[in-house]
Amino acid sequence: MKADQATGKQLDPNQIEKLATEQQLRAQLAELSLSN
């Protein structure tokens, strides 16, 4: 997936949305682990 971005290949909207959601989840997990 990172390789695709590096080559400048356009991602379809669904994939972009999935990536954004994944980043949000990771951010939430990071906050949770920091607060624990």
C-alpha atoms as a PDB file:
ATOM      1  CA  MET A   1       0.000   0.000   0.000  1.00  0.00           C
ATOM      2  CA  LYS A   2       2.818   2.377   0.846  1.00  0.00           C
ATOM      3  CA  ALA A   3       4.522   1.377  -2.395  1.00  0.00           C
ATOM      4  CA  ASP A   4       1.435   2.447  -4.317  1.00  0.00           C
ATOM      5  CA  GLN A   5       1.542   5.898  -2.758  1.00  0.00           C
ATOM      6  CA  ALA A   6       5.258   6.212  -3.433  1.00  0.00           C
ATOM      7  CA  THR A   7       4.754   5.618  -7.153  1.00  0.00           C
ATOM      8  CA  GLY A   8       2.129   8.354  -7.237  1.00  0.00           C
ATOM      9  CA  LYS A   9      -0.574   5.880  -8.201  1.00  0.00           C
ATOM     10  CA  GLN A  10      -4.008   7.302  -7.446  1.00  0.00           C
ATOM     11  CA  LEU A  11      -5.868   5.582  -4.641  1.00  0.00           C
ATOM     12  CA  ASP A  12      -9.575   5.023  -5.024  1.00  0.00           C
ATOM     13  CA  PRO A  13     -11.832   6.898  -2.531  1.00  0.00           C
ATOM     14  CA  ASN A  14     -12.708   3.711  -0.655  1.00  0.00           C
ATOM     15  CA  GLN A  15      -9.054   2.958  -0.063  1.00  0.00           C
ATOM     16  CA  ILE A  16      -8.351   6.524   1.082  1.00  0.00           C
ATOM     17  CA  GLU A  17     -11.300   6.345   3.471  1.00  0.00           C
ATOM     18  CA  LYS A  18     -10.065   3.014   4.808  1.00  0.00           C
ATOM     19  CA  LEU A  19      -6.593   4.451   5.389  1.00  0.00           C
ATOM     20  CA  ALA A  20      -8.003   7.484   7.179  1.00  0.00           C
ATOM     21  CA  THR A  21     -10.156   5.304   9.422  1.00  0.00           C
ATOM     22  CA  GLU A  22      -7.163   3.103  10.175  1.00  0.00           C
ATOM     23  CA  GLN A  23      -5.097   6.142  11.168  1.00  0.00           C
ATOM     24  CA  GLN A  24      -7.876   7.392  13.441  1.00  0.00           C
ATOM     25  CA  LEU A  25      -8.102   4.005  15.145  1.00  0.00           C
ATOM     26  CA  ARG A  26      -4.343   3.934  15.656  1.00  0.00           C
ATOM     27  CA  ALA A  27      -4.439   7.431  17.125  1.00  0.00           C
ATOM     28  CA  GLN A  28      -7.191   6.380  19.527  1.00  0.00           C
ATOM     29  CA  LEU A  29      -5.223   3.286  20.524  1.00  0.00           C
ATOM     30  CA  ALA A  30      -2.145   5.415  21.130  1.00  0.00           C
ATOM     31  CA  GLU A  31      -4.124   7.799  23.345  1.00  0.00           C
ATOM     32  CA  LEU A  32      -5.604   4.898  25.290  1.00  0.00           C
ATOM     33  CA  SER A  33      -2.237   3.268  25.892  1.00  0.00           C
ATOM     34  CA  LEU A  34      -0.782   6.622  26.962  1.00  0.00           C
ATOM     35  CA  SER A  35      -3.575   7.268  29.468  1.00  0.00           C
ATOM     36  CA  ASN A  36      -3.332   3.789  30.998  1.00  0.00           C
END
